[in-house]
Structures are given as C-alpha cells and as structure tokens.
C-alpha cells in the first residue's frame, strides 16, 4: 500500500540540538555498536518525537572519515502507541487485543501519520530478533543514501529493548508526555 510522504525534518546534531528540542533520553545499541558506542538520542519538539544518532565513519582507501547521521520522526502520541502495540505481541492468541496469528506488522493512524510496529528476525543484528517502530508517511532519513525509497523503520533488537532498558525508556517518555511535561 502506498502512503502519502511528508517532508523530512532537517537533520539535527544530537550533541547540539536546536532551541526548542528537549532531550528526553539516550540509549546505546550495544549489539550493533561496532568500534564505538552507538548512542541514540531521543528528543521531543513541537508535538513530535525525534530519534537521532551521529556516528563517525573511518575513511578507507585514503579518503577522509566523516560523520553519518540517521533520524526518525513520529508524532509524540506515537510513543504510547508503540509501547501498547509491542505489548499486544505478548498477549495470548485468544485475547481480543492480541496481534492476529501470523501478523508481523500492525499499522494504525496516530495523529495524522500512519505508524507501524513490525516484528523482524534480524532487527537487532545478525540472528537477533526484534521490533521496528515505523512511520509509513516518512522516507528513510540518513546522510548515507539508503538502498531505496523505504519508510522510516527504527529497528531495535530484543536484547536492547528488554534487557538494556530501551522499552522502559519508551514507557517513561510516554508517561511523561501523558503527564503534560512536554
């Protein structure tokens, strides 16, 4: 299915975000951190939730190194939706709110954008299952050109989500939003 595409946000430097961006957390994807710690930064601004990283890539074949950035944008209400949707994957199959048998993706509109949660076999790295938080209205947004015009899919492995605290961070951000902090 085709979804209308929204204009991507300008890249931010997560180490020096623009005025009006509230940093609400950070987390390290330990499994996919190659030579350094891959730190993901989480921001809220103007009713949106922004996930951003900046990683140094060493140059090869005599070429200088450079920074590469990735960024994902969602309506802030999408954070609670993501938490609730992931939890649906753990419900007994006969529960009325359980993810339907055989379904790998749940898609729903949230504040005018179509969001999704997808279960993937290698979303946490080689042979590591996980989930992705998808925005089907926004194209992949990184400084290294992707292989094609894919929607934004922030992929997280099960260990990062459930053992290293990323899922708890999502829950905390959702609760803070519901409490009116931002």
Protein backbone atom coordinates (compact mmCIF):
# COMPACT_ATOMS: atom_id res chain seq x y z
CA UNK A 1 0.00 0.00 0.00
CA UNK A 2 1.22 3.50 -0.77
CA UNK A 3 1.15 6.25 1.84
CA UNK A 4 1.48 9.99 1.21
CA UNK A 5 5.01 11.12 2.04
CA UNK A 6 5.72 14.02 4.35
CA UNK A 7 8.69 16.35 4.03
CA UNK A 8 11.60 15.11 6.15
CA UNK A 9 12.78 17.24 9.02
CA UNK A 10 16.20 18.84 8.78
CA UNK A 11 18.91 16.75 10.39
CA UNK A 12 19.83 17.80 13.88
CA UNK A 13 23.14 17.38 15.61
CA UNK A 14 22.15 15.30 18.64
CA UNK A 15 25.13 16.67 20.56
CA UNK A 16 23.98 20.27 19.94
CA UNK A 17 20.23 20.22 19.23
CA UNK A 18 18.40 23.33 18.08
CA UNK A 19 16.48 25.53 20.51
CA UNK A 20 13.15 24.02 21.48
CA UNK A 21 14.34 20.42 21.37
CA UNK A 22 14.01 18.71 24.76
CA UNK A 23 16.31 15.75 25.24
CA UNK A 24 14.25 13.03 26.91
CA UNK A 25 16.74 10.18 26.87
CA UNK A 26 19.54 8.29 25.23
CA UNK A 27 20.37 4.64 24.81
CA UNK A 28 23.20 2.52 23.46
CA UNK A 29 22.60 -0.26 20.96
CA UNK A 30 25.36 -2.48 22.35
CA UNK A 31 24.94 -5.29 19.84
CA UNK A 32 25.27 -3.10 16.76
CA UNK A 33 27.97 -0.83 18.16
CA UNK A 34 30.97 -1.77 16.10
CA UNK A 35 34.05 0.19 17.03
CA UNK A 36 32.43 2.73 19.33
CA UNK A 37 29.28 3.00 21.40
CA UNK A 38 26.35 3.74 19.09
CA UNK A 39 24.38 6.25 21.13
CA UNK A 40 20.84 7.05 20.10
CA UNK A 41 19.39 10.35 21.34
CA UNK A 42 15.67 10.95 21.92
CA UNK A 43 14.08 14.39 21.68
CA UNK A 44 10.64 15.98 21.86
CA UNK A 45 9.79 19.17 19.99
CA UNK A 46 6.59 20.77 18.70
CA UNK A 47 4.49 17.65 19.38
CA UNK A 48 6.97 15.29 17.76
CA UNK A 49 9.33 12.59 18.98
CA UNK A 50 12.72 12.57 17.24
CA UNK A 51 15.26 9.73 17.37
CA UNK A 52 18.72 10.70 16.18
CA UNK A 53 22.26 9.40 16.05
CA UNK A 54 25.60 10.64 14.78
CA UNK A 55 28.39 8.17 14.18
CA UNK A 56 31.97 8.67 12.99
CA UNK A 57 32.89 6.54 9.98
CA UNK A 58 36.59 5.98 9.38
CA UNK A 59 37.80 6.77 5.90
CA UNK A 60 39.01 4.00 3.61
CA UNK A 61 41.32 3.85 0.64
CA UNK A 62 42.92 7.17 1.52
CA UNK A 63 39.62 9.01 1.82
CA UNK A 64 38.91 11.09 4.95
CA UNK A 65 36.38 9.93 7.52
CA UNK A 66 33.04 11.61 8.04
CA UNK A 67 30.04 11.70 10.33
CA UNK A 68 26.91 9.81 9.33
CA UNK A 69 23.52 10.61 10.84
CA UNK A 70 20.19 8.85 10.97
CA UNK A 71 16.95 10.37 12.13
CA UNK A 72 13.38 9.19 12.70
CA UNK A 73 10.32 11.37 13.32
CA UNK A 74 6.96 10.44 14.90
CA UNK A 75 4.03 12.26 16.48
CA UNK A 76 4.69 12.22 20.25
CA UNK A 77 1.47 10.24 20.84
CA UNK A 78 3.14 7.51 18.79
CA UNK A 79 5.41 6.63 21.71
CA UNK A 80 2.49 5.34 23.82
CA UNK A 81 1.04 3.68 20.73
CA UNK A 82 4.37 1.88 20.13
CA UNK A 83 4.53 0.62 23.75
CA UNK A 84 0.94 -0.59 23.72
CA UNK A 85 1.35 -2.25 20.31
CA UNK A 86 4.53 -4.13 21.25
CA UNK A 87 2.73 -5.39 24.35
CA UNK A 88 -0.03 -6.78 22.11
CA UNK A 89 2.53 -9.24 20.66
CA UNK A 90 2.76 -10.84 24.13
CA UNK A 91 -0.96 -11.34 24.71
CA UNK A 92 -2.43 -14.86 24.48
CA UNK A 93 -3.69 -15.54 20.94
CA UNK A 94 -7.32 -15.73 22.10
CA UNK A 95 -7.17 -12.27 23.75
CA UNK A 96 -9.34 -9.77 21.80
CA UNK A 97 -6.49 -7.25 21.54
CA UNK A 98 -3.75 -9.75 20.65
CA UNK A 99 -1.82 -9.38 17.41
CA UNK A 100 -3.61 -11.66 14.92
CA UNK A 101 -1.91 -15.01 14.33
CA UNK A 102 0.64 -14.78 11.56
CA UNK A 103 0.70 -10.96 11.55
CA UNK A 104 4.18 -9.42 11.59
CA UNK A 105 3.13 -5.79 11.23
CA UNK A 106 0.46 -3.68 12.88
CA UNK A 107 -0.30 -0.34 11.21
CA UNK A 108 -2.61 2.38 12.51
CA UNK A 109 -3.09 6.13 12.11
CA UNK A 110 -1.75 8.21 15.01
CA UNK A 111 -2.19 12.00 14.93
CA UNK A 112 -2.38 12.13 11.13
CA UNK A 113 0.53 9.78 10.36
CA UNK A 114 0.42 6.04 9.74
CA UNK A 115 2.66 4.27 12.23
CA UNK A 116 3.59 0.63 12.43
CA UNK A 117 5.28 -1.94 14.59
CA UNK A 118 6.94 -4.81 12.75
CA UNK A 119 8.43 -8.00 14.19
CA UNK A 120 11.64 -8.90 12.35
CA UNK A 121 14.04 -11.84 12.56
CA UNK A 122 17.28 -9.81 12.30
CA UNK A 123 16.18 -6.38 13.55
CA UNK A 124 18.75 -6.45 16.34
CA UNK A 125 21.64 -7.63 14.17
CA UNK A 126 22.60 -11.00 12.77
CA UNK A 127 20.23 -13.70 14.10
CA UNK A 128 18.80 -11.29 16.72
CA UNK A 129 15.03 -10.77 16.51
CA UNK A 130 13.42 -7.51 17.41
CA UNK A 131 10.86 -4.88 16.51
CA UNK A 132 10.80 -1.76 14.40
CA UNK A 133 8.92 1.45 15.04
CA UNK A 134 7.74 2.51 11.59
CA UNK A 135 6.47 5.75 10.12
CA UNK A 136 4.95 4.89 6.77
CA UNK A 137 4.46 8.56 5.83
CA UNK A 138 8.17 9.39 6.07
CA UNK A 139 11.04 8.13 3.93
CA UNK A 140 14.23 6.70 5.45
CA UNK A 141 16.23 9.70 6.61
CA UNK A 142 20.01 9.32 6.79
CA UNK A 143 23.10 11.06 5.46
CA UNK A 144 24.29 7.87 3.78
CA UNK A 145 21.82 7.22 0.99
CA UNK A 146 19.64 4.19 1.65
CA UNK A 147 19.22 1.44 -0.94
CA UNK A 148 15.79 2.69 -1.93
CA UNK A 149 12.77 4.79 -1.00
CA UNK A 150 11.82 2.93 2.17
CA UNK A 151 9.70 4.20 5.01
CA UNK A 152 11.32 5.06 8.32
CA UNK A 153 11.88 1.91 10.38
CA UNK A 154 13.75 2.34 13.65
CA UNK A 155 14.93 -1.24 14.29
CA UNK A 156 15.59 -2.50 17.82
CA UNK A 157 16.73 -5.94 18.90
CA UNK A 158 15.04 -7.79 21.75
CA UNK A 159 18.16 -7.54 23.99
CA UNK A 160 18.33 -3.77 23.53
CA UNK A 161 14.60 -3.33 24.11
CA UNK A 162 14.02 -5.67 27.02
CA UNK A 163 17.39 -6.26 28.72
CA UNK A 164 19.18 -2.94 28.16
CA UNK A 165 16.19 -0.77 29.09
CA UNK A 166 15.07 0.80 25.82
CA UNK A 167 11.46 -0.37 26.22
CA UNK A 168 11.40 1.09 29.73
CA UNK A 169 12.70 4.38 28.29
CA UNK A 170 9.85 4.41 25.75
CA UNK A 171 7.36 3.78 28.60
CA UNK A 172 8.87 6.63 30.63
CA UNK A 173 8.72 9.07 27.70
CA UNK A 174 5.08 8.11 27.02
CA UNK A 175 4.18 8.64 30.68
CA UNK A 176 5.96 12.00 30.82
CA UNK A 177 4.04 13.12 27.74
CA UNK A 178 0.75 11.98 29.30
CA UNK A 179 1.69 13.86 32.49
CA UNK A 180 1.99 17.07 30.44
CA UNK A 181 5.75 17.53 30.83
CA UNK A 182 6.09 18.33 27.12
